[in-house]
Amino acid sequence: MNNPHAFWPELPTAAWRDSYATLHLWTQVIGKIRLVRSPWLNHSWHVALYVSARGLTTSPIPDGNRTFQIDLDFIDHALRITTSDGAQRQFALPGHSVASFYAAVMAALAELGIHVTIDEIPNELPDPVRFSQDSRHSSYDPDAVGRLFQILVNVDRVLKQFRTGFLGKASPVHFFWGSFDLAVTRFSGRRAPRHPGGVPHLSDDVATEAYSHEVSSAGFWPGSGAIDYPAFYCYAYPEPAGFRTAKVRPEAAFFSEALGEFILPYEAVRTAANPDQALLEFLHSSYEAAADAAKWDRDALECAPGKPGVVRQI
């Protein structure tokens, strides 16, 4: 317990790329189930998953007068569906392709009397294949998934601490299955110019609604494309003049022209003398870069970080 690095394991993207792709698509299946059963909440917050004590969860989903919940258990490596009237179904994750996972989830829901139809086309991914027809993605490395889970647990904890220092509108810390990232977003309170859309395989209406207001958003994802390694990020929408040239800490942080956001490699946090402090330094300095460049009313929006059991001073 005295070694902070034990809780920030290595997770090179190349070593688990196939499992990463498969898991990403599985999260889209269960995320879309939450999407079709939940009333629309601002900025698509109703679709997100959450880090749990065992993996990722939908949280309770409405089903008439009862609710049900779908959990990806990364300790026992199982999918579990539970209902508020005490029923349960589960199956092991290893050995499934996307197609067989989709079929198993839908069969389990039907056995519980839950009938759901979802759009089978993956979002925000190139060359999407319908879930029921995707037998190519079928890898599951329990060790790599366990490492990802350990990272998510700690990122979730630090992002929640970061969130306490803001009085303005702020999102929950939640996991978006389209982009496969764990994120938290702060809002200035001002409307934003209409988002141009153009996100691959995502409705422009969804993108426009998600970015209806001015934001500074930060999070973690395992990497893909131009940043093919695990990393933390921060972006501002709309991007204010001077944002990308701001000084962001720690030293390993940089602005990615390809992505249009600040990046801090996960490895820089994992190997830091104090990983929590290094991550918080990035979160605070990148937010400050956005807030200062866009002239947010920081005095009105910010407060001291929260402490357990201590009432915020007024």
Protein backbone atom coordinates (compact mmCIF):
# COMPACT_ATOMS: atom_id res chain seq x y z
CA MET A 1 0.00 0.00 0.00
CA ASN A 2 2.98 2.33 0.44
CA ASN A 3 4.04 1.96 -3.20
CA PRO A 4 1.82 4.22 -5.35
CA HIS A 5 3.22 2.75 -8.57
CA ALA A 6 1.65 -0.64 -7.79
CA PHE A 7 -1.76 0.87 -8.61
CA TRP A 8 -0.71 2.37 -11.94
CA PRO A 9 0.26 -0.70 -14.04
CA GLU A 10 1.82 -0.75 -17.49
CA LEU A 11 -0.63 -1.10 -20.38
CA PRO A 12 1.07 -0.68 -23.77
CA THR A 13 -1.63 -0.42 -26.42
CA ALA A 14 0.16 -2.71 -28.88
CA ALA A 15 0.21 -5.58 -26.38
CA TRP A 16 -3.58 -5.85 -26.13
CA ARG A 17 -4.80 -4.17 -29.31
CA ASP A 18 -7.14 -7.01 -30.36
CA SER A 19 -8.68 -7.33 -26.89
CA TYR A 20 -9.04 -3.55 -26.72
CA ALA A 21 -10.99 -3.53 -30.01
CA THR A 22 -13.26 -6.34 -28.85
CA LEU A 23 -13.92 -4.80 -25.44
CA HIS A 24 -14.65 -1.43 -27.05
CA LEU A 25 -17.39 -3.00 -29.15
CA TRP A 26 -18.83 -4.88 -26.16
CA THR A 27 -19.17 -1.62 -24.24
CA GLN A 28 -21.03 -0.19 -27.24
CA VAL A 29 -23.56 -3.01 -27.09
CA ILE A 30 -24.44 -2.41 -23.45
CA GLY A 31 -24.17 1.36 -23.81
CA LYS A 32 -26.71 1.33 -26.63
CA ILE A 33 -29.10 -0.64 -24.41
CA ARG A 34 -28.92 2.14 -21.83
CA LEU A 35 -29.35 4.69 -24.63
CA VAL A 36 -32.64 3.31 -25.93
CA ARG A 37 -34.21 2.89 -22.48
CA SER A 38 -33.16 6.18 -20.83
CA PRO A 39 -34.74 9.62 -21.36
CA TRP A 40 -32.39 12.05 -23.05
CA LEU A 41 -30.16 13.94 -20.64
CA ASN A 42 -28.13 17.03 -21.62
CA HIS A 43 -24.86 16.32 -23.45
CA SER A 44 -25.74 12.59 -23.83
CA TRP A 45 -24.99 11.97 -20.17
CA HIS A 46 -27.72 9.31 -20.13
CA VAL A 47 -25.67 6.96 -22.33
CA ALA A 48 -22.47 6.78 -20.31
CA LEU A 49 -21.13 3.89 -18.24
CA TYR A 50 -19.52 4.24 -14.81
CA VAL A 51 -16.51 2.70 -13.08
CA SER A 52 -17.69 0.31 -10.39
CA ALA A 53 -15.89 -1.70 -7.71
CA ARG A 54 -15.59 -4.58 -10.20
CA GLY A 55 -15.50 -3.03 -13.67
CA LEU A 56 -17.96 -0.94 -15.66
CA THR A 57 -21.68 -0.58 -15.04
CA THR A 58 -24.68 0.94 -16.77
CA SER A 59 -26.22 1.87 -13.40
CA PRO A 60 -30.00 1.16 -13.13
CA ILE A 61 -31.91 1.32 -16.44
CA PRO A 62 -35.71 1.85 -16.50
CA ASP A 63 -37.89 -1.14 -17.44
CA GLY A 64 -41.47 -0.22 -16.69
CA ASN A 65 -41.98 -0.35 -12.94
CA ARG A 66 -38.64 -2.07 -12.33
CA THR A 67 -35.04 -1.42 -13.28
CA PHE A 68 -32.19 -3.56 -14.55
CA GLN A 69 -28.43 -3.09 -14.56
CA ILE A 70 -25.70 -4.51 -16.79
CA ASP A 71 -22.21 -4.93 -15.36
CA LEU A 72 -18.93 -5.84 -17.01
CA ASP A 73 -17.08 -7.57 -14.17
CA PHE A 74 -13.34 -7.31 -14.79
CA ILE A 75 -12.45 -9.31 -11.67
CA ASP A 76 -14.46 -12.47 -12.41
CA HIS A 77 -14.42 -11.60 -16.16
CA ALA A 78 -18.16 -11.98 -16.60
CA LEU A 79 -21.15 -10.03 -17.82
CA ARG A 80 -23.92 -9.82 -15.24
CA ILE A 81 -27.48 -8.55 -15.62
CA THR A 82 -29.48 -7.94 -12.43
CA THR A 83 -33.00 -6.61 -11.94
CA SER A 84 -34.68 -4.74 -9.10
CA ASP A 85 -37.04 -7.71 -8.54
CA GLY A 86 -34.13 -10.03 -7.75
CA ALA A 87 -33.59 -11.87 -11.03
CA GLN A 88 -30.10 -12.33 -12.49
CA ARG A 89 -28.32 -13.76 -15.50
CA GLN A 90 -24.59 -13.91 -16.25
CA PHE A 91 -22.03 -15.43 -18.59
CA ALA A 92 -18.23 -15.56 -18.86
CA LEU A 93 -16.54 -12.99 -21.12
CA PRO A 94 -13.59 -15.05 -22.50
CA GLY A 95 -14.34 -16.93 -25.68
CA HIS A 96 -16.90 -14.53 -27.10
CA SER A 97 -16.78 -12.69 -30.38
CA VAL A 98 -18.75 -9.47 -30.73
CA ALA A 99 -21.50 -11.41 -32.49
CA SER A 100 -21.78 -14.11 -29.82
CA PHE A 101 -21.54 -11.50 -27.04
CA TYR A 102 -24.39 -9.53 -28.61
CA ALA A 103 -26.49 -12.70 -28.99
CA ALA A 104 -25.78 -13.76 -25.39
CA VAL A 105 -26.71 -10.35 -23.98
CA MET A 106 -29.97 -10.20 -25.93
CA ALA A 107 -30.86 -13.78 -24.97
CA ALA A 108 -30.21 -13.08 -21.29
CA LEU A 109 -32.35 -9.94 -21.41
CA ALA A 110 -35.17 -11.86 -23.11
CA GLU A 111 -35.04 -14.53 -20.39
CA LEU A 112 -35.55 -11.72 -17.87
CA GLY A 113 -38.54 -10.41 -19.81
CA ILE A 114 -36.63 -7.38 -21.10
CA HIS A 115 -37.12 -6.82 -24.81
CA VAL A 116 -34.77 -4.27 -26.37
CA THR A 117 -33.89 -3.35 -29.95
CA ILE A 118 -30.73 -1.34 -30.57
CA ASP A 119 -28.92 0.13 -33.56
CA GLU A 120 -26.31 -2.54 -34.30
CA ILE A 121 -23.91 -0.22 -36.12
CA PRO A 122 -20.95 0.84 -33.91
CA ASN A 123 -20.44 4.57 -33.40
CA GLU A 124 -17.29 6.69 -33.83
CA LEU A 125 -15.30 3.85 -35.42
CA PRO A 126 -14.05 3.40 -39.00
CA ASP A 127 -15.49 0.61 -41.17
CA PRO A 128 -18.21 -0.46 -38.71
CA VAL A 129 -19.69 -3.96 -38.87
CA ARG A 130 -23.08 -4.86 -37.39
CA PHE A 131 -22.71 -6.42 -33.95
CA SER A 132 -24.60 -9.56 -34.97
CA GLN A 133 -22.26 -10.10 -37.93
CA ASP A 134 -18.90 -9.34 -36.27
CA SER A 135 -17.11 -12.60 -35.65
CA ARG A 136 -13.67 -11.13 -36.38
CA HIS A 137 -13.29 -9.34 -33.02
CA SER A 138 -13.07 -12.16 -30.49
CA SER A 139 -9.99 -11.55 -28.32
CA TYR A 140 -10.08 -11.21 -24.55
CA ASP A 141 -6.90 -10.96 -22.48
CA PRO A 142 -7.96 -11.11 -18.80
CA ASP A 143 -4.61 -9.77 -17.58
CA ALA A 144 -4.72 -6.71 -19.85
CA VAL A 145 -8.35 -6.04 -19.00
CA GLY A 146 -7.48 -6.30 -15.30
CA ARG A 147 -4.72 -3.74 -15.81
CA LEU A 148 -7.11 -1.41 -17.61
CA PHE A 149 -9.57 -1.77 -14.75
CA GLN A 150 -6.91 -0.86 -12.17
CA ILE A 151 -6.07 2.25 -14.20
CA LEU A 152 -9.74 3.22 -14.52
CA VAL A 153 -10.26 2.84 -10.76
CA ASN A 154 -7.46 5.29 -10.04
CA VAL A 155 -8.29 7.73 -12.82
CA ASP A 156 -11.91 7.75 -11.65
CA ARG A 157 -10.74 8.54 -8.11
CA VAL A 158 -8.47 11.41 -9.18
CA LEU A 159 -11.00 12.89 -11.62
CA LYS A 160 -13.61 12.90 -8.87
CA GLN A 161 -11.21 14.76 -6.59
CA PHE A 162 -10.54 17.27 -9.38
CA ARG A 163 -14.29 17.76 -9.88
CA THR A 164 -14.73 18.95 -6.27
CA GLY A 165 -12.87 22.20 -6.97
CA PHE A 166 -15.56 23.59 -9.28
CA LEU A 167 -18.82 25.31 -8.32
CA GLY A 168 -20.16 25.68 -11.87
CA LYS A 169 -21.91 23.05 -13.92
CA ALA A 170 -19.77 19.94 -14.19
CA SER A 171 -20.45 16.48 -15.58
CA PRO A 172 -20.20 13.30 -13.55
CA VAL A 173 -17.03 11.28 -14.08
CA HIS A 174 -18.27 8.85 -16.67
CA PHE A 175 -17.16 6.46 -19.39
CA PHE A 176 -18.17 7.16 -22.98
CA TRP A 177 -18.33 3.95 -24.99
CA GLY A 178 -18.23 5.67 -28.38
CA SER A 179 -14.72 7.02 -27.84
CA PHE A 180 -13.82 4.57 -25.03
CA ASP A 181 -12.67 7.22 -22.59
CA LEU A 182 -13.25 8.17 -18.97
CA ALA A 183 -13.98 11.89 -18.78
CA VAL A 184 -15.11 14.86 -16.70
CA THR A 185 -16.26 18.17 -18.19
CA ARG A 186 -16.50 21.70 -16.76
CA PHE A 187 -18.80 24.38 -18.22
CA SER A 188 -18.35 28.14 -18.24
CA GLY A 189 -22.11 28.71 -18.31
CA ARG A 190 -22.03 30.35 -21.74
CA ARG A 191 -23.56 29.04 -24.96
CA ALA A 192 -21.13 27.76 -27.58
CA PRO A 193 -21.22 28.27 -31.35
CA ARG A 194 -22.94 25.44 -33.20
CA HIS A 195 -20.69 22.39 -33.43
CA PRO A 196 -19.90 21.48 -37.06
CA GLY A 197 -20.49 17.74 -36.52
CA GLY A 198 -18.59 15.35 -38.75
CA VAL A 199 -17.75 12.78 -36.06
CA PRO A 200 -17.48 9.39 -37.83
CA HIS A 201 -20.70 7.38 -37.56
CA LEU A 202 -22.30 9.77 -35.09
CA SER A 203 -25.35 11.90 -35.80
CA ASP A 204 -24.54 15.59 -36.21
CA ASP A 205 -27.55 16.31 -34.01
CA VAL A 206 -25.91 14.38 -31.17
CA ALA A 207 -22.60 16.23 -31.56
CA THR A 208 -24.38 19.58 -31.75
CA GLU A 209 -26.34 18.88 -28.57
CA ALA A 210 -23.27 17.56 -26.74
CA TYR A 211 -21.34 20.78 -27.41
CA SER A 212 -24.17 23.27 -26.98
CA HIS A 213 -22.23 25.08 -24.23
CA GLU A 214 -18.63 26.17 -23.71
CA VAL A 215 -16.51 23.44 -22.08
CA SER A 216 -13.15 22.35 -20.80
CA SER A 217 -13.05 18.54 -20.85
CA ALA A 218 -10.38 16.16 -19.59
CA GLY A 219 -10.01 12.42 -19.36
CA PHE A 220 -8.14 9.20 -20.07
CA TRP A 221 -8.22 6.73 -22.94
CA PRO A 222 -6.02 3.77 -23.92
CA GLY A 223 -4.89 5.43 -27.13
CA SER A 224 -5.61 5.13 -30.83
CA GLY A 225 -4.72 6.81 -34.11
CA ALA A 226 -2.27 9.67 -33.74
CA ILE A 227 -1.70 8.90 -30.03
CA ASP A 228 -1.25 5.14 -30.08
CA TYR A 229 -0.53 4.77 -26.38
CA PRO A 230 -2.49 5.33 -23.15
CA ALA A 231 -2.80 9.03 -22.40
CA PHE A 232 -4.65 11.78 -20.58
CA TYR A 233 -6.13 14.64 -22.58
CA CYS A 234 -7.71 18.05 -22.20
CA TYR A 235 -9.49 20.08 -24.86
CA ALA A 236 -11.63 23.22 -24.97
CA TYR A 237 -14.69 23.82 -27.11
CA PRO A 238 -14.73 26.26 -28.71
CA GLU A 239 -10.94 26.46 -28.66
CA PRO A 240 -10.03 30.01 -27.51
CA ALA A 241 -7.15 31.96 -29.00
CA GLY A 242 -3.97 31.26 -27.06
CA PHE A 243 -5.10 27.92 -25.64
CA ARG A 244 -2.74 25.69 -27.58
CA THR A 245 0.31 27.81 -26.80
CA ALA A 246 -0.32 27.86 -23.03
CA LYS A 247 2.18 26.26 -20.65
CA VAL A 248 0.70 23.06 -19.28
CA ARG A 249 2.32 20.89 -16.60
CA PRO A 250 3.99 18.51 -15.96
CA GLU A 251 6.89 18.76 -18.39
CA ALA A 252 5.83 15.69 -20.39
CA ALA A 253 2.53 17.35 -21.43
CA PHE A 254 2.26 18.72 -24.96
CA PHE A 255 -0.31 20.02 -27.43
CA SER A 256 -1.19 17.54 -30.18
CA GLU A 257 -1.83 19.36 -33.45
CA ALA A 258 -3.33 16.15 -34.86
CA LEU A 259 -5.98 15.92 -32.12
CA GLY A 260 -6.30 19.60 -31.20
CA GLU A 261 -5.88 18.93 -27.48
CA PHE A 262 -3.29 18.72 -24.74
CA ILE A 263 -1.86 15.25 -24.11
CA LEU A 264 -0.05 13.77 -21.14
CA PRO A 265 1.25 10.23 -21.78
CA TYR A 266 0.02 7.76 -19.17
CA GLU A 267 3.59 6.54 -18.78
CA ALA A 268 4.60 9.98 -17.44
CA VAL A 269 1.99 9.65 -14.70
CA ARG A 270 2.69 5.98 -13.99
CA THR A 271 6.41 6.61 -13.47
CA ALA A 272 6.10 9.94 -11.62
CA ALA A 273 7.27 10.12 -8.00
CA ASN A 274 3.67 10.92 -7.06
CA PRO A 275 1.26 9.78 -9.83
CA ASP A 276 -1.81 11.43 -8.28
CA GLN A 277 -0.02 14.75 -7.99
CA ALA A 278 1.28 14.57 -11.57
CA LEU A 279 -2.19 13.89 -12.93
CA LEU A 280 -3.81 16.63 -10.84
CA GLU A 281 -1.12 19.06 -12.03
CA PHE A 282 -2.09 18.27 -15.63
CA LEU A 283 -5.82 18.55 -14.95
CA HIS A 284 -5.53 21.88 -13.17
CA SER A 285 -3.04 23.51 -15.54
CA SER A 286 -4.85 22.44 -18.72
CA TYR A 287 -8.19 23.63 -17.32
CA GLU A 288 -6.57 26.94 -16.34
CA ALA A 289 -5.21 27.28 -19.88
CA ALA A 290 -8.75 26.96 -21.27
CA ALA A 291 -10.44 29.11 -18.63
CA ASP A 292 -7.91 31.94 -18.84
CA ALA A 293 -7.80 31.99 -22.63
CA ALA A 294 -11.61 32.06 -22.85
CA LYS A 295 -11.93 34.54 -19.95
CA TRP A 296 -14.14 32.38 -17.75
CA ASP A 297 -15.33 33.96 -14.49
CA ARG A 298 -12.99 31.81 -12.42
CA ASP A 299 -13.72 33.58 -9.12
CA ALA A 300 -17.39 32.65 -9.42
CA LEU A 301 -16.82 29.12 -10.78
CA GLU A 302 -14.06 27.68 -8.59
CA CYS A 303 -13.69 26.65 -4.96
CA ALA A 304 -11.19 24.84 -2.75
CA PRO A 305 -10.90 21.07 -3.36
CA GLY A 306 -13.23 18.96 -1.26
CA LYS A 307 -12.11 16.96 1.76
CA PRO A 308 -13.88 13.93 3.26
CA GLY A 309 -16.19 14.91 6.13
CA VAL A 310 -15.40 18.64 5.87
CA VAL A 311 -18.25 20.99 4.90
CA ARG A 312 -17.31 23.45 2.16
CA GLN A 313 -16.70 26.85 3.69
CA ILE A 314 -18.95 29.69 2.49
